[in-house]
Amino acid sequence: MKLTVKTLKGTHFEIRVQHNDTIMAVKKNIEEIQGKDSYPWGQQLLIHNGKVLKDESTLDENQVSEDGFLVVMLSKSKASASSGASSAQPSSTPVTSQAPPVAQPQAPQPQVPSTTTSQPERPPTE
């Protein structure tokens, strides 16, 4: 079957594959067509319907049809250890930044009663 492969650069190309091909076989096919320098199979991530496809799974298992398409993107293998650590850090940073906003809406609620409490405190201050 023919599959359309779209790149993040906005280009696309067609490849010939079988329904029972593994994702790794498809990646190697893309490497052969596009060149090892452009799309080395070890750095490719194939995406279908918003999901990154696992190398050991097949096109059928991922419900990739002849009418469908895959998106190919490259991960940086030379910095895979550092990019993996980097991507882990930013993902934990948003989680950390999400926690304070949850705490902040709770903080204004006690402040409303404390405003009422601050009114009686003003006369002793004068």
N, C-alpha and C. Protein backbone atom coordinates (compact mmCIF):
# COMPACT_ATOMS: atom_id res chain seq x y z
N MET A 1 0.84 -1.18 0.00
CA MET A 1 0.00 0.00 0.00
C MET A 1 0.88 1.24 0.00
N LYS A 2 0.32 2.34 -0.47
CA LYS A 2 1.04 3.61 -0.46
C LYS A 2 0.64 4.40 0.77
N LEU A 3 1.63 5.02 1.38
CA LEU A 3 1.38 5.88 2.53
C LEU A 3 2.00 7.24 2.26
N THR A 4 1.34 8.29 2.69
CA THR A 4 1.91 9.62 2.61
C THR A 4 2.60 9.91 3.93
N VAL A 5 3.83 10.41 3.83
CA VAL A 5 4.58 10.78 5.02
C VAL A 5 4.80 12.29 4.96
N LYS A 6 4.34 12.97 5.99
CA LYS A 6 4.49 14.43 6.06
C LYS A 6 5.64 14.76 7.01
N THR A 7 6.36 15.83 6.67
CA THR A 7 7.46 16.27 7.52
C THR A 7 7.07 17.54 8.26
N LEU A 8 7.84 17.89 9.26
CA LEU A 8 7.57 19.13 10.00
C LEU A 8 7.94 20.36 9.18
N LYS A 9 8.68 20.15 8.09
CA LYS A 9 9.04 21.27 7.23
C LYS A 9 7.94 21.61 6.24
N GLY A 10 6.86 20.84 6.26
CA GLY A 10 5.74 21.10 5.37
C GLY A 10 5.78 20.32 4.08
N THR A 11 6.80 19.50 3.87
CA THR A 11 6.88 18.68 2.66
C THR A 11 6.24 17.32 2.94
N HIS A 12 6.01 16.57 1.88
CA HIS A 12 5.50 15.21 2.05
C HIS A 12 6.00 14.34 0.90
N PHE A 13 5.98 13.04 1.12
CA PHE A 13 6.41 12.08 0.11
C PHE A 13 5.65 10.79 0.35
N GLU A 14 5.70 9.91 -0.65
CA GLU A 14 4.99 8.63 -0.54
C GLU A 14 5.98 7.49 -0.38
N ILE A 15 5.56 6.48 0.38
CA ILE A 15 6.35 5.26 0.53
C ILE A 15 5.44 4.07 0.28
N ARG A 16 6.07 2.94 -0.11
CA ARG A 16 5.31 1.70 -0.31
C ARG A 16 5.60 0.80 0.88
N VAL A 17 4.53 0.35 1.53
CA VAL A 17 4.66 -0.50 2.71
C VAL A 17 3.60 -1.59 2.67
N GLN A 18 3.72 -2.55 3.57
CA GLN A 18 2.72 -3.61 3.73
C GLN A 18 1.94 -3.34 5.03
N HIS A 19 0.71 -3.82 5.09
CA HIS A 19 -0.12 -3.63 6.28
C HIS A 19 0.53 -4.19 7.55
N ASN A 20 1.26 -5.30 7.38
CA ASN A 20 1.85 -5.96 8.55
C ASN A 20 3.28 -5.51 8.84
N ASP A 21 3.78 -4.47 8.14
CA ASP A 21 5.12 -3.94 8.41
C ASP A 21 5.17 -3.34 9.81
N THR A 22 6.32 -3.55 10.48
CA THR A 22 6.50 -2.90 11.77
C THR A 22 6.86 -1.44 11.55
N ILE A 23 6.70 -0.65 12.58
CA ILE A 23 7.05 0.77 12.50
C ILE A 23 8.55 0.91 12.24
N MET A 24 9.35 0.02 12.81
CA MET A 24 10.79 0.08 12.56
C MET A 24 11.09 -0.15 11.08
N ALA A 25 10.38 -1.08 10.44
CA ALA A 25 10.57 -1.33 9.01
C ALA A 25 10.19 -0.09 8.20
N VAL A 26 9.13 0.58 8.61
CA VAL A 26 8.70 1.80 7.92
C VAL A 26 9.76 2.89 8.07
N LYS A 27 10.34 3.00 9.27
CA LYS A 27 11.39 3.99 9.50
C LYS A 27 12.60 3.71 8.61
N LYS A 28 12.96 2.43 8.48
CA LYS A 28 14.09 2.08 7.62
C LYS A 28 13.77 2.37 6.16
N ASN A 29 12.52 2.17 5.77
CA ASN A 29 12.06 2.50 4.42
C ASN A 29 12.21 4.00 4.17
N ILE A 30 11.80 4.81 5.13
CA ILE A 30 11.92 6.27 5.00
C ILE A 30 13.39 6.66 4.90
N GLU A 31 14.25 6.02 5.69
CA GLU A 31 15.68 6.31 5.64
C GLU A 31 16.24 6.00 4.25
N GLU A 32 15.83 4.87 3.65
CA GLU A 32 16.30 4.50 2.32
C GLU A 32 15.88 5.53 1.28
N ILE A 33 14.63 5.99 1.37
CA ILE A 33 14.11 6.92 0.37
C ILE A 33 14.67 8.33 0.55
N GLN A 34 14.69 8.81 1.77
CA GLN A 34 15.08 10.20 2.04
C GLN A 34 16.58 10.37 2.29
N GLY A 35 17.26 9.28 2.59
CA GLY A 35 18.70 9.36 2.83
C GLY A 35 19.02 9.30 4.32
N LYS A 36 20.14 8.63 4.60
CA LYS A 36 20.55 8.42 5.99
C LYS A 36 20.88 9.75 6.67
N ASP A 37 21.40 10.70 5.91
CA ASP A 37 21.76 11.99 6.49
C ASP A 37 20.52 12.81 6.86
N SER A 38 19.47 12.70 6.05
CA SER A 38 18.26 13.49 6.29
C SER A 38 17.36 12.86 7.35
N TYR A 39 17.12 11.55 7.23
CA TYR A 39 16.19 10.87 8.13
C TYR A 39 16.74 9.53 8.61
N PRO A 40 17.78 9.55 9.48
CA PRO A 40 18.28 8.28 10.02
C PRO A 40 17.19 7.60 10.85
N TRP A 41 16.97 6.30 10.63
CA TRP A 41 15.84 5.62 11.25
C TRP A 41 15.88 5.67 12.77
N GLY A 42 17.08 5.68 13.34
CA GLY A 42 17.21 5.70 14.80
C GLY A 42 16.74 7.00 15.44
N GLN A 43 16.65 8.06 14.63
CA GLN A 43 16.22 9.36 15.16
C GLN A 43 14.78 9.69 14.81
N GLN A 44 14.15 8.85 14.00
CA GLN A 44 12.79 9.15 13.55
C GLN A 44 11.75 8.87 14.63
N LEU A 45 10.77 9.74 14.69
CA LEU A 45 9.55 9.49 15.46
C LEU A 45 8.41 9.55 14.46
N LEU A 46 7.63 8.49 14.39
CA LEU A 46 6.48 8.47 13.49
C LEU A 46 5.21 8.69 14.30
N ILE A 47 4.36 9.59 13.81
CA ILE A 47 3.15 9.96 14.53
C ILE A 47 1.95 9.70 13.64
N HIS A 48 0.91 9.08 14.22
CA HIS A 48 -0.34 8.84 13.50
C HIS A 48 -1.49 9.14 14.45
N ASN A 49 -2.41 9.99 14.02
CA ASN A 49 -3.55 10.39 14.86
C ASN A 49 -3.11 10.91 16.22
N GLY A 50 -2.01 11.67 16.23
CA GLY A 50 -1.55 12.29 17.47
C GLY A 50 -0.79 11.38 18.41
N LYS A 51 -0.53 10.12 18.00
CA LYS A 51 0.19 9.19 18.86
C LYS A 51 1.53 8.84 18.24
N VAL A 52 2.58 8.82 19.08
CA VAL A 52 3.89 8.35 18.62
C VAL A 52 3.83 6.84 18.53
N LEU A 53 4.20 6.31 17.37
CA LEU A 53 4.10 4.87 17.12
C LEU A 53 5.32 4.14 17.66
N LYS A 54 5.10 2.99 18.28
CA LYS A 54 6.19 2.19 18.84
C LYS A 54 6.80 1.32 17.76
N ASP A 55 8.14 1.20 17.79
CA ASP A 55 8.88 0.46 16.76
C ASP A 55 8.38 -0.96 16.56
N GLU A 56 8.02 -1.64 17.65
CA GLU A 56 7.65 -3.06 17.54
C GLU A 56 6.22 -3.27 17.07
N SER A 57 5.41 -2.21 17.04
CA SER A 57 4.02 -2.36 16.59
C SER A 57 3.95 -2.32 15.06
N THR A 58 2.83 -2.75 14.52
CA THR A 58 2.65 -2.77 13.06
C THR A 58 1.71 -1.66 12.62
N LEU A 59 1.68 -1.45 11.32
CA LEU A 59 0.76 -0.45 10.76
C LEU A 59 -0.68 -0.84 11.06
N ASP A 60 -1.01 -2.12 10.90
CA ASP A 60 -2.36 -2.60 11.20
C ASP A 60 -2.75 -2.33 12.65
N GLU A 61 -1.84 -2.64 13.56
CA GLU A 61 -2.11 -2.43 14.99
C GLU A 61 -2.40 -0.97 15.30
N ASN A 62 -1.78 -0.08 14.54
CA ASN A 62 -1.97 1.35 14.75
C ASN A 62 -3.07 1.93 13.86
N GLN A 63 -3.79 1.05 13.15
CA GLN A 63 -4.90 1.43 12.29
C GLN A 63 -4.50 2.46 11.23
N VAL A 64 -3.29 2.26 10.68
CA VAL A 64 -2.82 3.11 9.59
C VAL A 64 -3.36 2.52 8.30
N SER A 65 -4.14 3.30 7.57
CA SER A 65 -4.73 2.82 6.32
C SER A 65 -4.04 3.49 5.14
N GLU A 66 -4.33 2.96 3.95
CA GLU A 66 -3.71 3.50 2.75
C GLU A 66 -4.10 4.96 2.53
N ASP A 67 -5.26 5.34 2.96
CA ASP A 67 -5.70 6.72 2.78
C ASP A 67 -5.06 7.65 3.81
N GLY A 68 -4.51 7.08 4.86
CA GLY A 68 -3.99 7.90 5.95
C GLY A 68 -2.60 8.42 5.67
N PHE A 69 -2.06 9.07 6.69
CA PHE A 69 -0.71 9.59 6.57
C PHE A 69 0.00 9.48 7.91
N LEU A 70 1.31 9.54 7.84
CA LEU A 70 2.14 9.56 9.03
C LEU A 70 2.89 10.88 9.04
N VAL A 71 3.24 11.34 10.21
CA VAL A 71 4.10 12.51 10.34
C VAL A 71 5.43 12.00 10.86
N VAL A 72 6.51 12.42 10.20
CA VAL A 72 7.84 12.01 10.66
C VAL A 72 8.55 13.23 11.23
N MET A 73 9.17 13.03 12.39
CA MET A 73 10.01 14.07 12.96
C MET A 73 11.25 13.41 13.51
N LEU A 74 12.28 14.20 13.73
CA LEU A 74 13.54 13.65 14.21
C LEU A 74 13.79 14.04 15.65
N SER A 75 14.28 13.09 16.41
CA SER A 75 14.77 13.40 17.75
C SER A 75 16.28 13.52 17.62
N LYS A 76 16.89 14.28 18.48
CA LYS A 76 18.33 14.47 18.41
C LYS A 76 19.02 13.36 19.19
N SER A 77 19.60 12.40 18.45
CA SER A 77 20.17 11.24 19.12
C SER A 77 21.46 11.58 19.84
N LYS A 78 22.28 12.51 19.29
CA LYS A 78 23.54 12.85 19.94
C LYS A 78 23.29 13.43 21.32
N ALA A 79 22.22 14.20 21.44
CA ALA A 79 21.89 14.82 22.72
C ALA A 79 20.68 14.14 23.34
N SER A 80 20.48 12.87 22.99
CA SER A 80 19.27 12.20 23.47
C SER A 80 19.26 12.11 24.99
N ALA A 81 20.42 11.87 25.59
CA ALA A 81 20.46 11.80 27.05
C ALA A 81 20.18 13.18 27.64
N SER A 82 20.83 14.20 27.07
CA SER A 82 20.61 15.54 27.62
C SER A 82 19.24 16.08 27.23
N SER A 83 18.77 15.78 26.02
CA SER A 83 17.45 16.27 25.64
C SER A 83 16.38 15.54 26.43
N GLY A 84 16.64 14.28 26.75
CA GLY A 84 15.69 13.55 27.59
C GLY A 84 15.63 14.17 28.97
N ALA A 85 16.79 14.56 29.48
CA ALA A 85 16.82 15.21 30.79
C ALA A 85 16.20 16.59 30.68
N SER A 86 16.49 17.29 29.58
CA SER A 86 15.92 18.62 29.40
C SER A 86 14.42 18.56 29.28
N SER A 87 13.92 17.59 28.51
CA SER A 87 12.48 17.51 28.35
C SER A 87 11.82 17.06 29.64
N ALA A 88 12.55 16.35 30.49
CA ALA A 88 11.96 15.96 31.77
C ALA A 88 11.88 17.16 32.69
N GLN A 89 12.90 18.03 32.63
CA GLN A 89 12.89 19.20 33.50
C GLN A 89 11.77 20.17 33.13
N PRO A 90 11.61 20.55 31.85
CA PRO A 90 10.50 21.45 31.55
C PRO A 90 9.15 20.85 31.88
N SER A 91 9.01 19.53 31.71
CA SER A 91 7.71 18.95 32.00
C SER A 91 7.44 18.99 33.50
N SER A 92 8.49 18.88 34.32
CA SER A 92 8.25 18.98 35.75
C SER A 92 8.08 20.44 36.16
N THR A 93 8.67 21.36 35.42
CA THR A 93 8.50 22.78 35.72
C THR A 93 7.04 23.20 35.55
N PRO A 94 6.37 22.85 34.43
CA PRO A 94 4.96 23.22 34.33
C PRO A 94 4.11 22.58 35.42
N VAL A 95 4.46 21.37 35.83
CA VAL A 95 3.69 20.73 36.89
C VAL A 95 3.85 21.54 38.17
N THR A 96 5.08 22.00 38.43
CA THR A 96 5.33 22.82 39.60
C THR A 96 4.58 24.14 39.49
N SER A 97 4.60 24.74 38.29
CA SER A 97 3.93 26.03 38.13
C SER A 97 2.41 25.87 38.15
N GLN A 98 1.91 24.67 37.88
CA GLN A 98 0.47 24.46 37.95
C GLN A 98 0.01 24.37 39.40
N ALA A 99 0.85 23.89 40.29
CA ALA A 99 0.44 23.74 41.68
C ALA A 99 0.18 25.09 42.36
N PRO A 100 1.05 26.10 42.22
CA PRO A 100 0.77 27.38 42.87
C PRO A 100 -0.53 28.03 42.41
N PRO A 101 -0.89 28.01 41.11
CA PRO A 101 -2.19 28.60 40.76
C PRO A 101 -3.34 27.92 41.46
N VAL A 102 -3.23 26.63 41.74
CA VAL A 102 -4.28 25.94 42.47
C VAL A 102 -4.32 26.49 43.90
N ALA A 103 -3.15 26.76 44.47
CA ALA A 103 -3.09 27.28 45.83
C ALA A 103 -3.55 28.74 45.86
N GLN A 104 -3.27 29.51 44.81
CA GLN A 104 -3.62 30.92 44.80
C GLN A 104 -5.13 31.16 44.86
N PRO A 105 -5.95 30.42 44.11
CA PRO A 105 -7.39 30.66 44.26
C PRO A 105 -7.88 30.36 45.67
N GLN A 106 -7.22 29.45 46.37
CA GLN A 106 -7.62 29.16 47.74
C GLN A 106 -7.20 30.30 48.66
N ALA A 107 -6.09 30.95 48.38
CA ALA A 107 -5.60 32.02 49.23
C ALA A 107 -6.54 33.22 49.24
N PRO A 108 -7.09 33.67 48.10
CA PRO A 108 -8.01 34.82 48.15
C PRO A 108 -9.26 34.55 48.97
N GLN A 109 -9.72 33.31 49.02
CA GLN A 109 -10.92 33.03 49.80
C GLN A 109 -10.70 33.32 51.29
N PRO A 110 -9.61 32.89 51.90
CA PRO A 110 -9.39 33.27 53.30
C PRO A 110 -9.15 34.77 53.45
N GLN A 111 -8.65 35.44 52.41
CA GLN A 111 -8.39 36.87 52.50
C GLN A 111 -9.69 37.65 52.61
N VAL A 112 -10.77 37.16 52.02
CA VAL A 112 -12.05 37.84 52.12
C VAL A 112 -12.49 37.92 53.58
N PRO A 113 -12.48 36.81 54.34
CA PRO A 113 -12.81 36.93 55.77
C PRO A 113 -11.79 37.77 56.53
N SER A 114 -10.51 37.73 56.12
CA SER A 114 -9.51 38.50 56.84
C SER A 114 -9.73 40.00 56.62
N THR A 115 -10.34 40.39 55.50
CA THR A 115 -10.67 41.79 55.27
C THR A 115 -11.71 42.22 56.31
N THR A 116 -12.67 41.37 56.57
CA THR A 116 -13.67 41.64 57.60
C THR A 116 -12.99 41.69 58.97
N THR A 117 -12.02 40.82 59.18
CA THR A 117 -11.30 40.80 60.44
C THR A 117 -10.43 42.03 60.58
N SER A 118 -9.92 42.57 59.47
CA SER A 118 -9.03 43.72 59.55
C SER A 118 -9.78 44.99 59.93
N GLN A 119 -11.08 45.06 59.72
CA GLN A 119 -11.83 46.25 60.10
C GLN A 119 -11.82 46.45 61.62
N PRO A 120 -12.08 45.41 62.42
CA PRO A 120 -11.98 45.63 63.86
C PRO A 120 -10.55 45.91 64.32
N GLU A 121 -9.57 45.44 63.55
CA GLU A 121 -8.19 45.67 63.94
C GLU A 121 -7.79 47.13 63.74
N ARG A 122 -8.44 47.84 62.85
CA ARG A 122 -8.07 49.22 62.57
C ARG A 122 -8.28 50.15 63.78
N PRO A 123 -9.40 50.08 64.46
CA PRO A 123 -9.55 51.00 65.60
C PRO A 123 -8.47 50.81 66.68
N PRO A 124 -8.10 49.60 67.06
CA PRO A 124 -7.02 49.51 68.06
C PRO A 124 -5.70 50.06 67.54
N THR A 125 -5.48 50.02 66.20
CA THR A 125 -4.24 50.54 65.63
C THR A 125 -4.21 52.06 65.76
N GLU A 126 -5.34 52.73 65.67
CA GLU A 126 -5.38 54.19 65.74
C GLU A 126 -5.13 54.59 67.13
